[in-house]
């Protein structure tokens, strides 16, 4: 019965203990579940209504705890945690595995010619720009000029890095050329994410207490958030872009692959998918949870003073670092 469901379940927090590696991994497997991409607008809106009504103390008839948590994760997969707006489909975390599987597989397959390198780096950075904007931290608006600058800078950085390294690997073993896409992606992340989120560095991002009460905005928290996201994005790319090239370098020498070269791209994409699911997503997301914390003493002096005056017992603040 719905009346038996308690109203004190904290659905603002993940279902599993985020103090443990396994708890964070379970949480992010749910957040990145690719099946959520297929959910209809009606299902998403129903999940939103369930979650928002529960927070107001309104229970849907027959609602169980498992159904509530399912609604919470559907809601989290489609709506921004700070603004509440519905996120762009391809920018959602649930789209990461299918999108990265396709784009990374093609980058690793078509790396031998200059036009292919330019095209797939452009596609990848276009996708990254959407993801970075969709999963930005905080609720500060970002202008079209800022979006354009981030997009052009990251795309240029990725292409220049890829072409520069490609020219350097001409006289090296063939397998070295397969790692050029990873180097280009790493360089682009170092450019794209800070550019895309530069407004956060100027205006700060919301910081809260343990119960989620907003205490102010902090640029120091934004700096920490952006560094964590850059590191986690590069770390997430390592398994997907470092393991498949080694395997494919061996497979392409086999008679079967030489006979059916058309299988190169789909096979590589499957390897990327496997490494994303098994290594990249749980490892990097579990190491860097979306909700981060920092000591009050590390914040801006004026914000420290404001918190100490209104909440003298608070020593740690929390913030959404973005993904």
C-alpha atoms as a PDB file:
ATOM      1  CA  UNK A   1       0.000   0.000   0.000  1.00  0.00           C
ATOM      2  CA  UNK A   2       1.225   3.514  -0.770  1.00  0.00           C
ATOM      3  CA  UNK A   3       0.431   4.540   2.790  1.00  0.00           C
ATOM      4  CA  UNK A   4       3.099   2.137   4.025  1.00  0.00           C
ATOM      5  CA  UNK A   5       5.844   3.950   2.101  1.00  0.00           C
ATOM      6  CA  UNK A   6       7.701   6.264   4.508  1.00  0.00           C
ATOM      7  CA  UNK A   7       8.111   9.919   3.554  1.00  0.00           C
ATOM      8  CA  UNK A   8      11.639  10.198   4.925  1.00  0.00           C
ATOM      9  CA  UNK A   9      13.505   8.361   2.133  1.00  0.00           C
ATOM     10  CA  UNK A  10      16.286  10.718   1.048  1.00  0.00           C
ATOM     11  CA  UNK A  11      15.979  10.597  -2.729  1.00  0.00           C
ATOM     12  CA  UNK A  12      18.175  13.673  -3.063  1.00  0.00           C
ATOM     13  CA  UNK A  13      21.073  11.295  -2.505  1.00  0.00           C
ATOM     14  CA  UNK A  14      22.017   8.096  -4.392  1.00  0.00           C
ATOM     15  CA  UNK A  15      20.443   4.852  -3.247  1.00  0.00           C
ATOM     16  CA  UNK A  16      23.803   3.269  -2.472  1.00  0.00           C
ATOM     17  CA  UNK A  17      26.480   4.349  -0.006  1.00  0.00           C
ATOM     18  CA  UNK A  18      28.725   6.830  -1.822  1.00  0.00           C
ATOM     19  CA  UNK A  19      31.433   6.317   0.769  1.00  0.00           C
ATOM     20  CA  UNK A  20      32.333   2.996  -0.863  1.00  0.00           C
ATOM     21  CA  UNK A  21      33.691   2.176  -4.317  1.00  0.00           C
ATOM     22  CA  UNK A  22      30.953  -0.381  -4.989  1.00  0.00           C
ATOM     23  CA  UNK A  23      28.255   2.039  -3.902  1.00  0.00           C
ATOM     24  CA  UNK A  24      29.497   4.688  -6.317  1.00  0.00           C
ATOM     25  CA  UNK A  25      29.872   2.129  -9.108  1.00  0.00           C
ATOM     26  CA  UNK A  26      26.303   0.862  -8.630  1.00  0.00           C
ATOM     27  CA  UNK A  27      25.029   4.437  -8.648  1.00  0.00           C
ATOM     28  CA  UNK A  28      26.761   5.324 -11.906  1.00  0.00           C
ATOM     29  CA  UNK A  29      25.767   2.106 -13.630  1.00  0.00           C
ATOM     30  CA  UNK A  30      22.207   3.282 -13.035  1.00  0.00           C
ATOM     31  CA  UNK A  31      22.941   6.854 -14.149  1.00  0.00           C
ATOM     32  CA  UNK A  32      24.613   5.680 -17.373  1.00  0.00           C
ATOM     33  CA  UNK A  33      22.107   2.907 -18.169  1.00  0.00           C
ATOM     34  CA  UNK A  34      21.775   3.163 -21.998  1.00  0.00           C
ATOM     35  CA  UNK A  35      18.176   1.894 -21.869  1.00  0.00           C
ATOM     36  CA  UNK A  36      17.096   5.244 -20.438  1.00  0.00           C
ATOM     37  CA  UNK A  37      17.751   6.829 -23.835  1.00  0.00           C
ATOM     38  CA  UNK A  38      14.751   4.917 -25.191  1.00  0.00           C
ATOM     39  CA  UNK A  39      12.292   6.161 -22.577  1.00  0.00           C
ATOM     40  CA  UNK A  40       9.396   8.241 -23.898  1.00  0.00           C
ATOM     41  CA  UNK A  41       8.574  11.794 -22.821  1.00  0.00           C
ATOM     42  CA  UNK A  42       5.527  10.420 -20.983  1.00  0.00           C
ATOM     43  CA  UNK A  43       7.703   8.094 -18.896  1.00  0.00           C
ATOM     44  CA  UNK A  44      10.154  10.894 -18.111  1.00  0.00           C
ATOM     45  CA  UNK A  45       7.392  13.283 -17.076  1.00  0.00           C
ATOM     46  CA  UNK A  46       5.775  10.579 -14.947  1.00  0.00           C
ATOM     47  CA  UNK A  47       9.112  10.019 -13.185  1.00  0.00           C
ATOM     48  CA  UNK A  48       9.477  13.759 -12.658  1.00  0.00           C
ATOM     49  CA  UNK A  49       5.982  13.979 -11.155  1.00  0.00           C
ATOM     50  CA  UNK A  50       6.642  10.987  -8.887  1.00  0.00           C
ATOM     51  CA  UNK A  51       9.886  12.455  -7.560  1.00  0.00           C
ATOM     52  CA  UNK A  52       8.659  16.026  -7.150  1.00  0.00           C
ATOM     53  CA  UNK A  53       5.398  14.920  -5.522  1.00  0.00           C
ATOM     54  CA  UNK A  54       7.237  12.631  -3.107  1.00  0.00           C
ATOM     55  CA  UNK A  55       9.425  15.554  -2.047  1.00  0.00           C
ATOM     56  CA  UNK A  56       6.205  17.438  -1.293  1.00  0.00           C
ATOM     57  CA  UNK A  57       4.844  14.513   0.706  1.00  0.00           C
ATOM     58  CA  UNK A  58       2.389  13.403  -1.989  1.00  0.00           C
ATOM     59  CA  UNK A  59       2.385   9.667  -2.714  1.00  0.00           C
ATOM     60  CA  UNK A  60       1.153   8.061  -5.887  1.00  0.00           C
ATOM     61  CA  UNK A  61      -1.338   5.261  -5.035  1.00  0.00           C
ATOM     62  CA  UNK A  62       0.420   1.897  -4.839  1.00  0.00           C
ATOM     63  CA  UNK A  63       3.915   3.398  -5.052  1.00  0.00           C
ATOM     64  CA  UNK A  64       6.637   1.081  -3.705  1.00  0.00           C
ATOM     65  CA  UNK A  65      10.155   1.971  -2.606  1.00  0.00           C
ATOM     66  CA  UNK A  66      11.688   0.212  -5.618  1.00  0.00           C
ATOM     67  CA  UNK A  67       9.386   2.151  -7.944  1.00  0.00           C
ATOM     68  CA  UNK A  68      10.332   5.378  -6.195  1.00  0.00           C
ATOM     69  CA  UNK A  69      14.047   4.724  -6.662  1.00  0.00           C
ATOM     70  CA  UNK A  70      13.476   3.724 -10.284  1.00  0.00           C
ATOM     71  CA  UNK A  71      11.644   7.020 -10.849  1.00  0.00           C
ATOM     72  CA  UNK A  72      14.470   8.890  -9.105  1.00  0.00           C
ATOM     73  CA  UNK A  73      17.096   7.429 -11.458  1.00  0.00           C
ATOM     74  CA  UNK A  74      14.957   8.027 -14.546  1.00  0.00           C
ATOM     75  CA  UNK A  75      14.516  11.613 -13.358  1.00  0.00           C
ATOM     76  CA  UNK A  76      18.257  12.015 -12.747  1.00  0.00           C
ATOM     77  CA  UNK A  77      19.055  10.584 -16.188  1.00  0.00           C
ATOM     78  CA  UNK A  78      17.032  13.220 -18.037  1.00  0.00           C
ATOM     79  CA  UNK A  79      16.812  16.373 -15.899  1.00  0.00           C
ATOM     80  CA  UNK A  80      19.658  18.669 -14.837  1.00  0.00           C
ATOM     81  CA  UNK A  81      20.306  18.423 -11.066  1.00  0.00           C
ATOM     82  CA  UNK A  82      20.674  22.194 -10.599  1.00  0.00           C
ATOM     83  CA  UNK A  83      18.349  23.772 -13.168  1.00  0.00           C
ATOM     84  CA  UNK A  84      15.724  21.006 -13.399  1.00  0.00           C
ATOM     85  CA  UNK A  85      15.544  21.439 -17.177  1.00  0.00           C
ATOM     86  CA  UNK A  86      15.233  18.443 -19.477  1.00  0.00           C
ATOM     87  CA  UNK A  87      18.677  17.747 -20.910  1.00  0.00           C
ATOM     88  CA  UNK A  88      19.523  17.269 -24.584  1.00  0.00           C
ATOM     89  CA  UNK A  89      19.169  13.602 -25.476  1.00  0.00           C
ATOM     90  CA  UNK A  90      22.696  13.003 -26.803  1.00  0.00           C
ATOM     91  CA  UNK A  91      24.186  14.934 -23.880  1.00  0.00           C
ATOM     92  CA  UNK A  92      22.657  12.746 -21.185  1.00  0.00           C
ATOM     93  CA  UNK A  93      24.847  10.280 -19.328  1.00  0.00           C
ATOM     94  CA  UNK A  94      22.595   7.452 -20.539  1.00  0.00           C
ATOM     95  CA  UNK A  95      23.717   8.252 -24.103  1.00  0.00           C
ATOM     96  CA  UNK A  96      27.420   8.045 -23.290  1.00  0.00           C
ATOM     97  CA  UNK A  97      27.982   4.368 -24.031  1.00  0.00           C
ATOM     98  CA  UNK A  98      26.197   4.170 -27.427  1.00  0.00           C
ATOM     99  CA  UNK A  99      27.537   7.549 -28.602  1.00  0.00           C
ATOM    100  CA  UNK A 100      31.111   6.999 -27.437  1.00  0.00           C
ATOM    101  CA  UNK A 101      31.078   3.444 -28.741  1.00  0.00           C
ATOM    102  CA  UNK A 102      30.258   4.701 -32.227  1.00  0.00           C
ATOM    103  CA  UNK A 103      32.431   7.820 -32.334  1.00  0.00           C
ATOM    104  CA  UNK A 104      35.481   6.336 -30.602  1.00  0.00           C
ATOM    105  CA  UNK A 105      35.280   3.195 -32.725  1.00  0.00           C
ATOM    106  CA  UNK A 106      35.336   5.312 -35.874  1.00  0.00           C
ATOM    107  CA  UNK A 107      38.182   7.537 -34.609  1.00  0.00           C
ATOM    108  CA  UNK A 108      40.277   4.455 -33.890  1.00  0.00           C
ATOM    109  CA  UNK A 109      39.410   2.863 -37.224  1.00  0.00           C
ATOM    110  CA  UNK A 110      39.745   5.811 -39.581  1.00  0.00           C
ATOM    111  CA  UNK A 111      43.003   7.361 -38.405  1.00  0.00           C
ATOM    112  CA  UNK A 112      45.216   6.798 -41.429  1.00  0.00           C
ATOM    113  CA  UNK A 113      44.132   9.678 -43.690  1.00  0.00           C
ATOM    114  CA  UNK A 114      44.079  13.390 -42.946  1.00  0.00           C
ATOM    115  CA  UNK A 115      40.440  13.983 -44.051  1.00  0.00           C
ATOM    116  CA  UNK A 116      39.266  11.115 -41.829  1.00  0.00           C
ATOM    117  CA  UNK A 117      41.224  12.433 -38.832  1.00  0.00           C
ATOM    118  CA  UNK A 118      39.785  15.931 -39.273  1.00  0.00           C
ATOM    119  CA  UNK A 119      36.213  14.690 -39.759  1.00  0.00           C
ATOM    120  CA  UNK A 120      36.075  12.328 -36.779  1.00  0.00           C
ATOM    121  CA  UNK A 121      37.832  14.756 -34.435  1.00  0.00           C
ATOM    122  CA  UNK A 122      35.244  17.351 -35.462  1.00  0.00           C
ATOM    123  CA  UNK A 123      32.408  14.890 -34.805  1.00  0.00           C
ATOM    124  CA  UNK A 124      33.878  13.962 -31.418  1.00  0.00           C
ATOM    125  CA  UNK A 125      34.348  17.557 -30.306  1.00  0.00           C
ATOM    126  CA  UNK A 126      30.850  18.468 -31.451  1.00  0.00           C
ATOM    127  CA  UNK A 127      29.552  15.658 -29.265  1.00  0.00           C
ATOM    128  CA  UNK A 128      31.794  16.672 -26.362  1.00  0.00           C
ATOM    129  CA  UNK A 129      30.588  20.267 -26.569  1.00  0.00           C
ATOM    130  CA  UNK A 130      26.987  19.071 -26.238  1.00  0.00           C
ATOM    131  CA  UNK A 131      27.874  16.811 -23.301  1.00  0.00           C
ATOM    132  CA  UNK A 132      29.835  19.522 -21.487  1.00  0.00           C
ATOM    133  CA  UNK A 133      27.048  22.044 -21.899  1.00  0.00           C
ATOM    134  CA  UNK A 134      24.333  19.569 -20.933  1.00  0.00           C
ATOM    135  CA  UNK A 135      26.153  18.420 -17.794  1.00  0.00           C
ATOM    136  CA  UNK A 136      27.567  21.760 -16.686  1.00  0.00           C
ATOM    137  CA  UNK A 137      27.637  22.385 -12.955  1.00  0.00           C
ATOM    138  CA  UNK A 138      25.499  25.085 -11.348  1.00  0.00           C
ATOM    139  CA  UNK A 139      22.623  27.107 -12.737  1.00  0.00           C
ATOM    140  CA  UNK A 140      24.475  30.029 -14.309  1.00  0.00           C
ATOM    141  CA  UNK A 141      23.570  30.715 -17.924  1.00  0.00           C
ATOM    142  CA  UNK A 142      26.177  30.411 -20.674  1.00  0.00           C
ATOM    143  CA  UNK A 143      26.167  32.672 -23.727  1.00  0.00           C
ATOM    144  CA  UNK A 144      26.341  31.623 -27.359  1.00  0.00           C
ATOM    145  CA  UNK A 145      29.706  33.422 -27.655  1.00  0.00           C
ATOM    146  CA  UNK A 146      31.123  31.342 -24.830  1.00  0.00           C
ATOM    147  CA  UNK A 147      29.725  28.165 -26.378  1.00  0.00           C
ATOM    148  CA  UNK A 148      31.195  29.067 -29.750  1.00  0.00           C
ATOM    149  CA  UNK A 149      34.625  29.908 -28.320  1.00  0.00           C
ATOM    150  CA  UNK A 150      34.775  26.623 -26.387  1.00  0.00           C
ATOM    151  CA  UNK A 151      33.664  24.597 -29.402  1.00  0.00           C
ATOM    152  CA  UNK A 152      36.082  26.214 -31.875  1.00  0.00           C
ATOM    153  CA  UNK A 153      39.007  26.094 -29.430  1.00  0.00           C
ATOM    154  CA  UNK A 154      38.515  22.435 -28.534  1.00  0.00           C
ATOM    155  CA  UNK A 155      37.973  21.333 -32.124  1.00  0.00           C
ATOM    156  CA  UNK A 156      41.034  23.242 -33.307  1.00  0.00           C
ATOM    157  CA  UNK A 157      43.127  21.859 -30.451  1.00  0.00           C
ATOM    158  CA  UNK A 158      42.042  18.296 -31.161  1.00  0.00           C
ATOM    159  CA  UNK A 159      42.659  18.518 -34.911  1.00  0.00           C
ATOM    160  CA  UNK A 160      46.035  20.241 -34.574  1.00  0.00           C
ATOM    161  CA  UNK A 161      47.150  17.701 -31.938  1.00  0.00           C
ATOM    162  CA  UNK A 162      45.965  14.759 -34.027  1.00  0.00           C
ATOM    163  CA  UNK A 163      47.568  15.954 -37.259  1.00  0.00           C
ATOM    164  CA  UNK A 164      50.789  16.963 -35.515  1.00  0.00           C
ATOM    165  CA  UNK A 165      51.180  13.593 -33.801  1.00  0.00           C
ATOM    166  CA  UNK A 166      50.144  11.775 -36.966  1.00  0.00           C
ATOM    167  CA  UNK A 167      53.034  13.366 -38.829  1.00  0.00           C
ATOM    168  CA  UNK A 168      55.447  12.438 -36.035  1.00  0.00           C
ATOM    169  CA  UNK A 169      54.444   8.767 -36.054  1.00  0.00           C
ATOM    170  CA  UNK A 170      55.183   8.167 -39.750  1.00  0.00           C
ATOM    171  CA  UNK A 171      58.566   6.667 -38.959  1.00  0.00           C
ATOM    172  CA  UNK A 172      57.469   4.830 -35.816  1.00  0.00           C
ATOM    173  CA  UNK A 173      55.840   1.375 -35.464  1.00  0.00           C
ATOM    174  CA  UNK A 174      52.333   1.289 -36.942  1.00  0.00           C
ATOM    175  CA  UNK A 175      50.685   0.724 -33.581  1.00  0.00           C
ATOM    176  CA  UNK A 176      51.850   4.156 -32.381  1.00  0.00           C
ATOM    177  CA  UNK A 177      49.564   5.835 -34.888  1.00  0.00           C
ATOM    178  CA  UNK A 178      46.594   4.122 -33.287  1.00  0.00           C
ATOM    179  CA  UNK A 179      47.092   6.129 -30.093  1.00  0.00           C
ATOM    180  CA  UNK A 180      46.947   9.506 -31.841  1.00  0.00           C
ATOM    181  CA  UNK A 181      43.142   9.811 -31.355  1.00  0.00           C
ATOM    182  CA  UNK A 182      43.557   9.380 -27.589  1.00  0.00           C
ATOM    183  CA  UNK A 183      46.188  12.122 -27.392  1.00  0.00           C
ATOM    184  CA  UNK A 184      43.945  14.433 -29.392  1.00  0.00           C
ATOM    185  CA  UNK A 185      40.946  13.694 -27.143  1.00  0.00           C
ATOM    186  CA  UNK A 186      43.017  14.321 -23.991  1.00  0.00           C
ATOM    187  CA  UNK A 187      44.270  17.659 -25.352  1.00  0.00           C
ATOM    188  CA  UNK A 188      40.772  18.708 -26.389  1.00  0.00           C
ATOM    189  CA  UNK A 189      39.322  17.914 -22.948  1.00  0.00           C
ATOM    190  CA  UNK A 190      41.911  20.179 -21.348  1.00  0.00           C
ATOM    191  CA  UNK A 191      40.686  22.991 -23.610  1.00  0.00           C
ATOM    192  CA  UNK A 192      36.996  22.281 -24.062  1.00  0.00           C
ATOM    193  CA  UNK A 193      35.808  21.780 -20.484  1.00  0.00           C
ATOM    194  CA  UNK A 194      37.388  24.927 -18.931  1.00  0.00           C
ATOM    195  CA  UNK A 195      36.210  27.016 -21.897  1.00  0.00           C
ATOM    196  CA  UNK A 196      32.697  25.608 -21.810  1.00  0.00           C
ATOM    197  CA  UNK A 197      32.428  26.230 -18.077  1.00  0.00           C
ATOM    198  CA  UNK A 198      34.324  29.525 -17.846  1.00  0.00           C
ATOM    199  CA  UNK A 199      31.251  31.313 -16.495  1.00  0.00           C
ATOM    200  CA  UNK A 200      31.387  29.034 -13.460  1.00  0.00           C
ATOM    201  CA  UNK A 201      34.946  30.203 -12.802  1.00  0.00           C
ATOM    202  CA  UNK A 202      33.756  33.821 -12.846  1.00  0.00           C
ATOM    203  CA  UNK A 203      30.406  33.500 -11.063  1.00  0.00           C
ATOM    204  CA  UNK A 204      30.996  30.367  -8.968  1.00  0.00           C
ATOM    205  CA  UNK A 205      28.797  27.318  -8.512  1.00  0.00           C
ATOM    206  CA  UNK A 206      26.295  26.634  -5.725  1.00  0.00           C
ATOM    207  CA  UNK A 207      27.696  25.093  -2.539  1.00  0.00           C
ATOM    208  CA  UNK A 208      25.427  23.488   0.047  1.00  0.00           C
ATOM    209  CA  UNK A 209      25.489  21.894   3.469  1.00  0.00           C
ATOM    210  CA  UNK A 210      25.039  18.147   3.988  1.00  0.00           C
ATOM    211  CA  UNK A 211      21.242  18.524   3.805  1.00  0.00           C
ATOM    212  CA  UNK A 212      21.360  20.375   0.490  1.00  0.00           C
ATOM    213  CA  UNK A 213      20.726  23.897   1.834  1.00  0.00           C
ATOM    214  CA  UNK A 214      22.348  26.442  -0.459  1.00  0.00           C
ATOM    215  CA  UNK A 215      25.064  28.464   1.282  1.00  0.00           C
ATOM    216  CA  UNK A 216      26.348  30.577  -1.600  1.00  0.00           C
ATOM    217  CA  UNK A 217      28.407  30.419  -4.812  1.00  0.00           C
ATOM    218  CA  UNK A 218      32.093  29.599  -4.974  1.00  0.00           C
ATOM    219  CA  UNK A 219      34.658  30.002  -7.759  1.00  0.00           C
ATOM    220  CA  UNK A 220      37.081  27.861  -5.739  1.00  0.00           C
ATOM    221  CA  UNK A 221      34.581  25.000  -5.859  1.00  0.00           C
ATOM    222  CA  UNK A 222      34.201  25.561  -9.615  1.00  0.00           C
ATOM    223  CA  UNK A 223      37.970  25.250 -10.071  1.00  0.00           C
ATOM    224  CA  UNK A 224      38.037  21.959  -8.169  1.00  0.00           C
ATOM    225  CA  UNK A 225      34.997  20.684 -10.079  1.00  0.00           C
ATOM    226  CA  UNK A 226      36.498  21.446 -13.492  1.00  0.00           C
ATOM    227  CA  UNK A 227      39.856  19.830 -12.647  1.00  0.00           C
ATOM    228  CA  UNK A 228      38.061  16.685 -11.458  1.00  0.00           C
ATOM    229  CA  UNK A 229      35.948  16.524 -14.601  1.00  0.00           C
ATOM    230  CA  UNK A 230      38.983  16.969 -16.901  1.00  0.00           C
ATOM    231  CA  UNK A 231      40.896  14.214 -15.082  1.00  0.00           C
ATOM    232  CA  UNK A 232      37.904  11.859 -15.030  1.00  0.00           C
ATOM    233  CA  UNK A 233      37.143  12.443 -18.735  1.00  0.00           C
ATOM    234  CA  UNK A 234      40.728  11.670 -19.723  1.00  0.00           C
ATOM    235  CA  UNK A 235      40.789   8.687 -17.369  1.00  0.00           C
ATOM    236  CA  UNK A 236      37.536   7.435 -18.847  1.00  0.00           C
ATOM    237  CA  UNK A 237      39.064   7.609 -22.332  1.00  0.00           C
ATOM    238  CA  UNK A 238      42.122   5.542 -21.397  1.00  0.00           C
ATOM    239  CA  UNK A 239      40.535   2.044 -21.415  1.00  0.00           C
ATOM    240  CA  UNK A 240      38.330   2.721 -24.458  1.00  0.00           C
ATOM    241  CA  UNK A 241      41.116   4.272 -26.528  1.00  0.00           C
ATOM    242  CA  UNK A 242      44.158   2.340 -25.300  1.00  0.00           C
ATOM    243  CA  UNK A 243      42.990  -1.280 -25.083  1.00  0.00           C
ATOM    244  CA  UNK A 244      41.131  -1.708 -28.433  1.00  0.00           C
ATOM    245  CA  UNK A 245      44.073  -0.434 -30.554  1.00  0.00           C
ATOM    246  CA  UNK A 246      46.339  -3.134 -29.141  1.00  0.00           C
ATOM    247  CA  UNK A 247      43.753  -5.839 -29.821  1.00  0.00           C
ATOM    248  CA  UNK A 248      42.923  -4.555 -33.304  1.00  0.00           C
ATOM    249  CA  UNK A 249      46.589  -4.283 -34.226  1.00  0.00           C
ATOM    250  CA  UNK A 250      46.843  -8.038 -33.662  1.00  0.00           C
ATOM    251  CA  UNK A 251      43.485  -8.933 -35.222  1.00  0.00           C
ATOM    252  CA  UNK A 252      44.104  -7.044 -38.471  1.00  0.00           C
ATOM    253  CA  UNK A 253      47.022  -9.357 -39.179  1.00  0.00           C
ATOM    254  CA  UNK A 254      44.696 -12.361 -39.151  1.00  0.00           C
ATOM    255  CA  UNK A 255      43.501 -13.799 -42.454  1.00  0.00           C
ATOM    256  CA  UNK A 256      39.837 -13.422 -41.496  1.00  0.00           C
ATOM    257  CA  UNK A 257      40.094  -9.667 -40.922  1.00  0.00           C
ATOM    258  CA  UNK A 258      42.152  -9.229 -44.084  1.00  0.00           C
ATOM    259  CA  UNK A 259      39.429 -11.021 -46.018  1.00  0.00           C
ATOM    260  CA  UNK A 260      36.626  -8.892 -44.526  1.00  0.00           C
ATOM    261  CA  UNK A 261      38.116  -5.446 -43.809  1.00  0.00           C
ATOM    262  CA  UNK A 262      34.606  -4.002 -43.616  1.00  0.00           C
ATOM    263  CA  UNK A 263      34.356  -5.608 -40.162  1.00  0.00           C
ATOM    264  CA  UNK A 264      37.110  -3.366 -38.803  1.00  0.00           C
ATOM    265  CA  UNK A 265      34.875  -0.513 -37.650  1.00  0.00           C
ATOM    266  CA  UNK A 266      32.058  -2.574 -36.073  1.00  0.00           C
ATOM    267  CA  UNK A 267      34.494  -4.920 -34.305  1.00  0.00           C
ATOM    268  CA  UNK A 268      36.449  -1.970 -32.951  1.00  0.00           C
ATOM    269  CA  UNK A 269      33.214  -0.320 -31.822  1.00  0.00           C
ATOM    270  CA  UNK A 270      32.250  -3.487 -29.923  1.00  0.00           C
ATOM    271  CA  UNK A 271      35.606  -3.530 -28.146  1.00  0.00           C
ATOM    272  CA  UNK A 272      35.134   0.126 -27.215  1.00  0.00           C
ATOM    273  CA  UNK A 273      31.647  -0.641 -25.887  1.00  0.00           C
ATOM    274  CA  UNK A 274      33.012  -3.493 -23.776  1.00  0.00           C
ATOM    275  CA  UNK A 275      35.807  -1.392 -22.262  1.00  0.00           C
ATOM    276  CA  UNK A 276      33.399   1.472 -21.567  1.00  0.00           C
ATOM    277  CA  UNK A 277      30.990  -0.793 -19.712  1.00  0.00           C
ATOM    278  CA  UNK A 278      33.539  -2.929 -17.896  1.00  0.00           C
ATOM    279  CA  UNK A 279      36.313  -0.453 -17.134  1.00  0.00           C
ATOM    280  CA  UNK A 280      35.781   3.202 -18.012  1.00  0.00           C
ATOM    281  CA  UNK A 281      32.337   4.119 -16.700  1.00  0.00           C
ATOM    282  CA  UNK A 282      32.404   2.354 -13.318  1.00  0.00           C
ATOM    283  CA  UNK A 283      36.050   3.148 -12.628  1.00  0.00           C
ATOM    284  CA  UNK A 284      36.184   6.854 -13.413  1.00  0.00           C
ATOM    285  CA  UNK A 285      32.702   7.730 -12.236  1.00  0.00           C
ATOM    286  CA  UNK A 286      33.197   5.773  -9.037  1.00  0.00           C
ATOM    287  CA  UNK A 287      36.495   7.525  -8.345  1.00  0.00           C
ATOM    288  CA  UNK A 288      34.968  10.940  -9.003  1.00  0.00           C
ATOM    289  CA  UNK A 289      31.350  11.042  -7.749  1.00  0.00           C
ATOM    290  CA  UNK A 290      29.135  13.778  -9.150  1.00  0.00           C
ATOM    291  CA  UNK A 291      28.666  15.313  -5.705  1.00  0.00           C
ATOM    292  CA  UNK A 292      32.004  16.603  -4.421  1.00  0.00           C
ATOM    293  CA  UNK A 293      33.031  18.310  -1.211  1.00  0.00           C
ATOM    294  CA  UNK A 294      35.630  20.714   0.081  1.00  0.00           C
ATOM    295  CA  UNK A 295      36.549  22.320   3.397  1.00  0.00           C
ATOM    296  CA  UNK A 296      35.038  25.670   4.272  1.00  0.00           C
ATOM    297  CA  UNK A 297      38.605  26.874   4.925  1.00  0.00           C
ATOM    298  CA  UNK A 298      39.373  26.369   1.212  1.00  0.00           C
ATOM    299  CA  UNK A 299      36.601  28.685   0.018  1.00  0.00           C
ATOM    300  CA  UNK A 300      36.844  32.403  -0.747  1.00  0.00           C
ATOM    301  CA  UNK A 301      37.406  34.482   2.428  1.00  0.00           C
ATOM    302  CA  UNK A 302      34.114  36.348   2.098  1.00  0.00           C
ATOM    303  CA  UNK A 303      32.142  33.109   1.645  1.00  0.00           C
ATOM    304  CA  UNK A 304      33.968  31.534   4.577  1.00  0.00           C
ATOM    305  CA  UNK A 305      32.952  34.469   6.753  1.00  0.00           C
ATOM    306  CA  UNK A 306      29.339  34.309   5.578  1.00  0.00           C
ATOM    307  CA  UNK A 307      29.092  30.593   6.359  1.00  0.00           C
ATOM    308  CA  UNK A 308      30.728  30.936   9.767  1.00  0.00           C
ATOM    309  CA  UNK A 309      28.350  33.696  10.745  1.00  0.00           C
ATOM    310  CA  UNK A 310      25.187  31.874   9.693  1.00  0.00           C
ATOM    311  CA  UNK A 311      26.312  28.253  10.190  1.00  0.00           C
ATOM    312  CA  UNK A 312      29.309  28.164  12.576  1.00  0.00           C
ATOM    313  CA  UNK A 313      29.230  24.351  12.910  1.00  0.00           C
ATOM    314  CA  UNK A 314      29.687  23.659   9.195  1.00  0.00           C
ATOM    315  CA  UNK A 315      33.229  22.644   8.243  1.00  0.00           C
ATOM    316  CA  UNK A 316      32.539  21.000   4.862  1.00  0.00           C
ATOM    317  CA  UNK A 317      30.441  22.121   1.885  1.00  0.00           C
ATOM    318  CA  UNK A 318      29.154  20.116  -1.069  1.00  0.00           C
ATOM    319  CA  UNK A 319      28.626  20.874  -4.741  1.00  0.00           C
ATOM    320  CA  UNK A 320      27.660  19.247  -8.023  1.00  0.00           C
ATOM    321  CA  UNK A 321      30.869  19.009 -10.047  1.00  0.00           C
ATOM    322  CA  UNK A 322      29.110  18.089 -13.281  1.00  0.00           C
ATOM    323  CA  UNK A 323      30.050  15.106 -15.425  1.00  0.00           C
END
